[in-house]
Protein backbone atom coordinates (compact mmCIF):
# COMPACT_ATOMS: atom_id res chain seq x y z
CA MET A 1 -13.51 -33.82 17.13
CA ALA A 2 -13.97 -33.04 13.55
CA GLU A 3 -17.78 -32.84 13.57
CA ASN A 4 -17.85 -29.20 14.11
CA TRP A 5 -16.11 -28.53 10.78
CA LYS A 6 -15.37 -30.17 7.56
CA THR A 7 -12.99 -29.80 4.57
CA ILE A 8 -14.70 -28.20 1.61
CA ALA A 9 -11.78 -28.48 -0.95
CA SER A 10 -8.07 -29.31 -0.62
CA GLY A 11 -5.27 -29.51 -3.18
CA GLU A 12 -1.45 -29.68 -3.43
CA ARG A 13 -1.11 -26.36 -1.55
CA TYR A 14 -4.34 -25.42 -0.20
CA ARG A 15 -7.15 -26.60 2.14
CA ILE A 16 -10.55 -24.76 2.59
CA ILE A 17 -12.58 -25.57 5.69
CA GLN A 18 -16.10 -24.79 6.64
CA GLY A 19 -16.43 -24.19 10.43
CA ASP A 20 -15.86 -21.90 13.14
CA CYS A 21 -12.27 -20.57 13.18
CA GLN A 22 -11.84 -21.31 16.85
CA ASP A 23 -12.83 -24.90 16.45
CA VAL A 24 -10.45 -25.21 13.48
CA MET A 25 -7.56 -23.69 15.32
CA ARG A 26 -8.04 -25.96 18.37
CA ASP A 27 -8.50 -29.06 16.32
CA THR A 28 -6.32 -29.05 13.27
CA ALA A 29 -2.82 -28.69 15.02
CA ILE A 30 -1.45 -26.29 12.33
CA ARG A 31 1.53 -24.12 13.03
CA PRO A 32 1.33 -21.25 10.54
CA ASN A 33 4.24 -18.93 9.67
CA LEU A 34 1.84 -16.13 8.94
CA ILE A 35 -1.83 -15.55 10.04
CA PHE A 36 -3.88 -12.88 8.30
CA ALA A 37 -7.15 -12.08 10.01
CA ASP A 38 -9.70 -9.89 8.50
CA PRO A 39 -12.87 -10.56 10.74
CA PRO A 40 -16.43 -9.26 10.59
CA PHE A 41 -16.68 -5.58 11.86
CA ASN A 42 -19.75 -5.87 13.71
CA VAL A 43 -21.60 -3.49 11.56
CA GLY A 44 -24.72 -5.44 10.58
CA LYS A 45 -23.44 -6.92 7.25
CA LYS A 46 -25.48 -9.91 6.03
CA TYR A 47 -23.31 -13.03 6.20
CA ASP A 48 -24.22 -16.67 5.58
CA GLY A 49 -23.96 -18.46 9.03
CA TYR A 50 -22.97 -15.45 11.10
CA VAL A 51 -24.87 -12.66 12.72
CA ASP A 52 -22.75 -9.44 12.45
CA ARG A 53 -24.64 -7.60 15.24
CA ARG A 54 -23.49 -8.35 18.68
CA THR A 55 -23.41 -6.27 21.86
CA ASN A 56 -20.12 -4.28 22.22
CA LYS A 57 -19.29 -6.59 25.22
CA GLU A 58 -19.96 -9.89 23.27
CA PHE A 59 -18.10 -8.79 20.23
CA ARG A 60 -15.12 -7.50 22.25
CA GLN A 61 -15.07 -11.03 24.12
CA TRP A 62 -15.17 -12.87 20.84
CA VAL A 63 -12.46 -10.92 19.14
CA ILE A 64 -10.12 -11.37 22.17
CA SER A 65 -10.93 -14.91 22.25
CA TRP A 66 -10.05 -15.92 18.68
CA THR A 67 -7.04 -13.44 18.58
CA LYS A 68 -5.43 -15.07 21.56
CA LEU A 69 -5.90 -18.46 20.07
CA ALA A 70 -4.46 -17.21 16.68
CA TYR A 71 -1.29 -15.94 18.48
CA THR A 72 -1.07 -19.39 20.32
CA ILE A 73 -0.98 -21.48 17.29
CA LEU A 74 1.54 -19.41 15.44
CA ASP A 75 4.93 -20.88 14.66
CA ASP A 76 7.45 -19.89 17.20
CA ASP A 77 8.82 -17.20 14.79
CA GLY A 78 5.61 -16.64 13.01
CA VAL A 79 3.84 -13.25 12.39
CA LEU A 80 0.02 -12.37 12.98
CA VAL A 81 -1.53 -9.54 10.89
CA LEU A 82 -4.84 -8.10 12.33
CA HIS A 83 -6.83 -6.15 9.74
CA GLY A 84 -9.82 -3.95 10.80
CA PRO A 85 -11.32 -0.62 11.32
CA ASP A 86 -11.06 1.78 14.31
CA ALA A 87 -13.68 -0.30 16.36
CA LEU A 88 -11.39 -3.23 16.23
CA ALA A 89 -8.09 -1.21 16.75
CA ASP A 90 -9.74 0.04 20.05
CA ILE A 91 -9.95 -3.67 21.12
CA TRP A 92 -6.61 -4.85 19.75
CA ILE A 93 -4.35 -2.00 21.10
CA PRO A 94 -5.17 -2.79 24.80
CA LEU A 95 -4.87 -6.48 24.14
CA LEU A 96 -1.45 -6.13 22.69
CA ILE A 97 -0.36 -4.09 25.54
CA ASN A 98 -1.70 -6.33 28.16
CA GLU A 99 -0.38 -9.46 26.65
CA ARG A 100 2.89 -7.76 25.88
CA TRP A 101 2.94 -8.94 22.35
CA ARG A 102 5.40 -7.41 20.12
CA ARG A 103 3.98 -5.16 17.39
CA ILE A 104 6.56 -4.55 14.71
CA ALA A 105 4.59 -2.58 12.23
CA TRP A 106 1.28 -0.59 12.13
CA VAL A 107 0.09 -0.18 8.50
CA ASN A 108 -2.96 1.88 7.39
CA TRP A 109 -4.74 0.98 4.30
CA TYR A 110 -6.46 4.02 2.67
CA TYR A 111 -9.28 3.45 0.39
CA SER A 112 -11.91 5.71 -1.38
CA PHE A 113 -15.52 5.05 -1.61
CA GLY A 114 -16.00 4.97 2.12
CA GLN A 115 -19.50 4.91 3.62
CA TRP A 116 -20.99 8.36 2.94
CA THR A 117 -21.98 10.50 5.93
CA ASP A 118 -22.42 14.42 6.68
CA ARG A 119 -22.23 13.73 10.50
CA ASN A 120 -18.58 13.12 10.62
CA TRP A 121 -15.59 12.52 8.59
CA ILE A 122 -15.99 9.67 6.14
CA ASP A 123 -14.26 6.47 7.08
CA SER A 124 -11.60 5.87 4.61
CA ARG A 125 -8.99 3.47 6.21
CA CYS A 126 -8.39 0.26 8.05
CA HIS A 127 -5.53 -0.70 10.36
CA ALA A 128 -3.21 -3.66 10.10
CA PHE A 129 -1.30 -4.41 13.09
CA VAL A 130 1.65 -6.82 12.52
CA ILE A 131 2.77 -8.72 15.46
CA ARG A 132 5.76 -11.17 15.68
CA LYS A 133 5.83 -14.06 18.24
CA GLY A 134 9.45 -14.73 18.43
CA GLY A 135 12.60 -12.77 17.45
CA GLY A 136 13.31 -14.51 14.13
CA ASN A 137 10.44 -13.83 11.99
CA THR A 138 10.84 -13.87 8.18
CA TRP A 139 11.46 -10.45 6.55
CA ASN A 140 11.92 -10.16 2.72
CA PRO A 141 12.38 -6.41 2.13
CA ILE A 142 13.64 -6.72 -1.49
CA ASP A 143 10.45 -8.72 -2.50
CA VAL A 144 8.20 -5.86 -1.69
CA MET A 145 10.23 -2.80 -2.82
CA ILE A 146 8.92 -0.11 -5.17
CA LYS A 147 10.43 2.53 -7.19
CA SER A 148 11.71 5.65 -5.27
CA GLU A 149 11.04 9.13 -6.58
CA ARG A 150 14.59 9.62 -7.59
CA LEU A 151 14.44 6.55 -9.86
CA LYS A 152 11.29 7.78 -11.34
CA MET A 153 12.77 11.06 -12.14
CA GLY A 154 15.90 9.53 -13.64
CA ASP A 155 18.23 10.80 -10.89
CA LYS A 156 21.77 9.32 -11.77
CA ARG A 157 22.59 8.81 -8.06
CA VAL A 158 20.40 5.74 -7.93
CA LYS A 159 22.98 3.72 -9.87
CA THR A 160 25.39 3.90 -6.88
CA SER A 161 22.61 3.43 -4.20
CA ARG A 162 22.31 0.10 -2.15
CA TYR A 163 19.08 -0.79 -3.98
CA LYS A 164 19.41 0.99 -7.23
CA GLY A 165 16.72 3.58 -6.62
CA MET A 166 14.13 0.99 -5.07
CA ARG A 167 12.82 1.61 -1.64
CA LEU A 168 10.23 0.08 0.82
CA PRO A 169 6.71 1.31 0.95
CA GLY A 170 5.61 3.65 3.76
CA THR A 171 3.03 2.64 6.48
CA VAL A 172 -0.07 4.18 4.60
CA TRP A 173 -1.01 2.03 1.69
CA GLY A 174 -3.56 2.62 -0.99
CA VAL A 175 -2.94 6.62 -1.49
CA GLN A 176 -2.69 7.32 -5.28
CA GLY A 177 0.51 9.09 -6.13
CA ASP A 178 0.57 12.57 -7.39
CA GLU A 179 4.01 13.51 -9.05
CA GLU A 180 3.13 17.20 -9.27
CA LEU A 181 2.46 17.27 -5.42
CA GLY A 182 5.36 15.05 -4.62
CA VAL A 183 3.10 12.35 -3.17
CA PRO A 184 4.63 8.93 -3.69
CA ASP A 185 2.57 6.04 -5.30
CA ASP A 186 3.13 3.35 -2.63
CA THR A 187 0.21 0.99 -3.48
CA LYS A 188 -0.89 0.51 -7.07
CA GLY A 189 -3.68 -2.08 -7.29
CA MET A 190 -4.76 -1.61 -3.65
CA CYS A 191 -8.08 0.35 -4.26
CA ARG A 192 -11.26 -0.88 -2.67
CA ILE A 193 -12.87 -3.77 -4.55
CA GLN A 194 -16.05 -2.29 -5.93
CA GLY A 195 -18.61 -4.11 -8.03
CA ASN A 196 -16.96 -3.45 -11.40
CA ASN A 197 -13.55 -4.35 -10.30
CA ARG A 198 -11.91 -7.13 -12.23
CA GLU A 199 -11.09 -9.03 -9.05
CA ARG A 200 -14.49 -8.88 -7.72
CA GLU A 201 -16.33 -12.27 -6.71
CA ARG A 202 -20.05 -11.62 -7.28
CA GLU A 203 -21.19 -13.62 -4.42
CA CYS A 204 -19.17 -11.88 -1.83
CA SER A 205 -20.01 -8.38 -0.43
CA ASN A 206 -16.65 -7.69 1.23
CA GLN A 207 -13.24 -8.14 -0.52
CA LEU A 208 -9.62 -7.09 -0.05
CA PRO A 209 -7.34 -6.21 -3.02
CA GLU A 210 -5.04 -9.05 -3.98
CA ALA A 211 -2.03 -6.60 -3.90
CA TYR A 212 -2.65 -5.80 -0.27
CA LEU A 213 -2.47 -9.39 0.85
CA LYS A 214 0.42 -10.14 -1.53
CA ARG A 215 2.66 -7.49 0.13
CA PHE A 216 2.27 -9.13 3.65
CA ILE A 217 2.67 -12.66 2.29
CA LEU A 218 5.81 -11.86 0.30
CA ALA A 219 7.26 -9.66 3.25
CA TYR A 220 6.81 -12.16 6.00
CA THR A 221 6.82 -15.70 4.49
CA ASN A 222 8.97 -17.71 2.18
CA THR A 223 8.05 -20.07 -0.47
CA GLY A 224 6.57 -23.33 1.09
CA ASP A 225 5.71 -21.61 4.31
CA LEU A 226 2.12 -22.06 5.69
CA VAL A 227 -0.38 -19.05 5.71
CA PHE A 228 -3.61 -19.37 7.77
CA ASP A 229 -6.67 -17.19 7.24
CA PRO A 230 -9.38 -17.72 9.87
CA PHE A 231 -12.06 -15.67 7.90
CA CYS A 232 -11.87 -16.98 4.35
CA GLY A 233 -14.42 -14.65 2.77
CA SER A 234 -13.92 -14.69 -1.00
CA GLY A 235 -10.66 -16.44 -0.71
CA THR A 236 -8.26 -13.67 -1.41
CA THR A 237 -5.62 -14.87 0.91
CA ALA A 238 -5.92 -18.44 -0.30
CA LYS A 239 -5.45 -17.34 -3.94
CA VAL A 240 -2.50 -15.17 -3.26
CA ALA A 241 -0.72 -17.58 -1.02
CA VAL A 242 -1.01 -20.32 -3.65
CA GLU A 243 -0.09 -18.05 -6.34
CA THR A 244 3.17 -17.08 -4.59
CA GLY A 245 4.19 -20.58 -3.82
CA ARG A 246 3.00 -20.70 -0.14
CA ASP A 247 0.65 -23.37 1.46
CA VAL A 248 -2.56 -22.12 2.94
CA VAL A 249 -5.40 -23.28 5.33
CA THR A 250 -8.41 -21.08 5.47
CA CYS A 251 -11.79 -21.44 7.05
CA ASP A 252 -15.21 -19.77 7.14
CA VAL A 253 -18.60 -20.53 8.84
CA SER A 254 -20.23 -19.93 5.51
CA GLU A 255 -20.30 -22.93 3.10
CA ASN A 256 -20.99 -20.65 0.25
CA SER A 257 -17.88 -18.46 1.01
CA CYS A 258 -15.78 -21.67 1.08
CA ARG A 259 -17.19 -22.67 -2.39
CA VAL A 260 -16.44 -19.43 -3.90
CA ALA A 261 -12.87 -19.47 -2.45
CA SER A 262 -12.38 -23.05 -3.76
CA ASP A 263 -13.59 -22.21 -7.15
CA ARG A 264 -11.43 -19.04 -7.18
CA VAL A 265 -8.31 -21.00 -6.43
CA LYS A 266 -9.18 -23.74 -8.81
CA ARG A 267 -9.90 -21.23 -11.61
CA MET A 268 -6.45 -19.71 -11.01
CA LEU A 269 -4.77 -23.10 -11.11
CA LYS A 270 -6.58 -24.03 -14.38
CA GLU A 271 -5.43 -20.76 -16.03
CA SER A 272 -1.91 -20.90 -14.64
CA PRO A 273 -0.93 -24.59 -13.83
CA GLU A 274 2.69 -23.63 -13.81
CA ILE A 275 2.12 -22.21 -10.56
CA LEU A 276 2.34 -25.39 -8.78
CA GLU A 277 5.78 -25.77 -10.24
CA VAL A 278 7.22 -23.16 -7.83
CA LEU A 279 9.27 -24.62 -5.18
């Protein structure tokens, strides 16, 4: 059963597996409280062990297959977050409707440095569909609140407000605030990870910001819960999950990606061993 995948690294709070996510989901009997999925986009990226150029029909069938499987293995009150561009949204929206899955949020992550073109508007966002399986999913609003504009301006009314001037972010993340224009800064640290970014893992071409993952993990899980990422990549989900006191299982077809993720988690734990003391 396990011959199609192998554990590359494991520790007190993490397990990193090399193998196809569908094999891993079928074989490991995990029941995650949160699944975050950031799959290949079918745009011809060069991946180790995966061809990112399928026909539209093949790609759609593949996406639907693993997405259904991910929903199936969720804990009864678990949450599934599906991250991707418009092309993936075109697949997921009909699937959610047909399967009657309960979407509880639709977040857009805005980023600069989108692929340049003069033929159409430059792509500068990804979607994140948040789906709950049951009716009792975890929701920790206080853990992800940010400063309101009233608090920033020193408005005295915040002292008597329920959350003392703190508020939940909106559904568009990554837009830089502009106080003169009255645009709130919802997402510090959520810029696209370019080559000179301090979070950048040199061997990985695609990488999401840690702050983006952290907001989902803090909002929809508690300490000690299990997070699963079927597309490990550079290991951002694994790093943030362990850092925040969650357990994590992640997998990737690429052995190199698994090694990068493993090194990233181990490096963090070496620098901050007190993380494992979080209960």
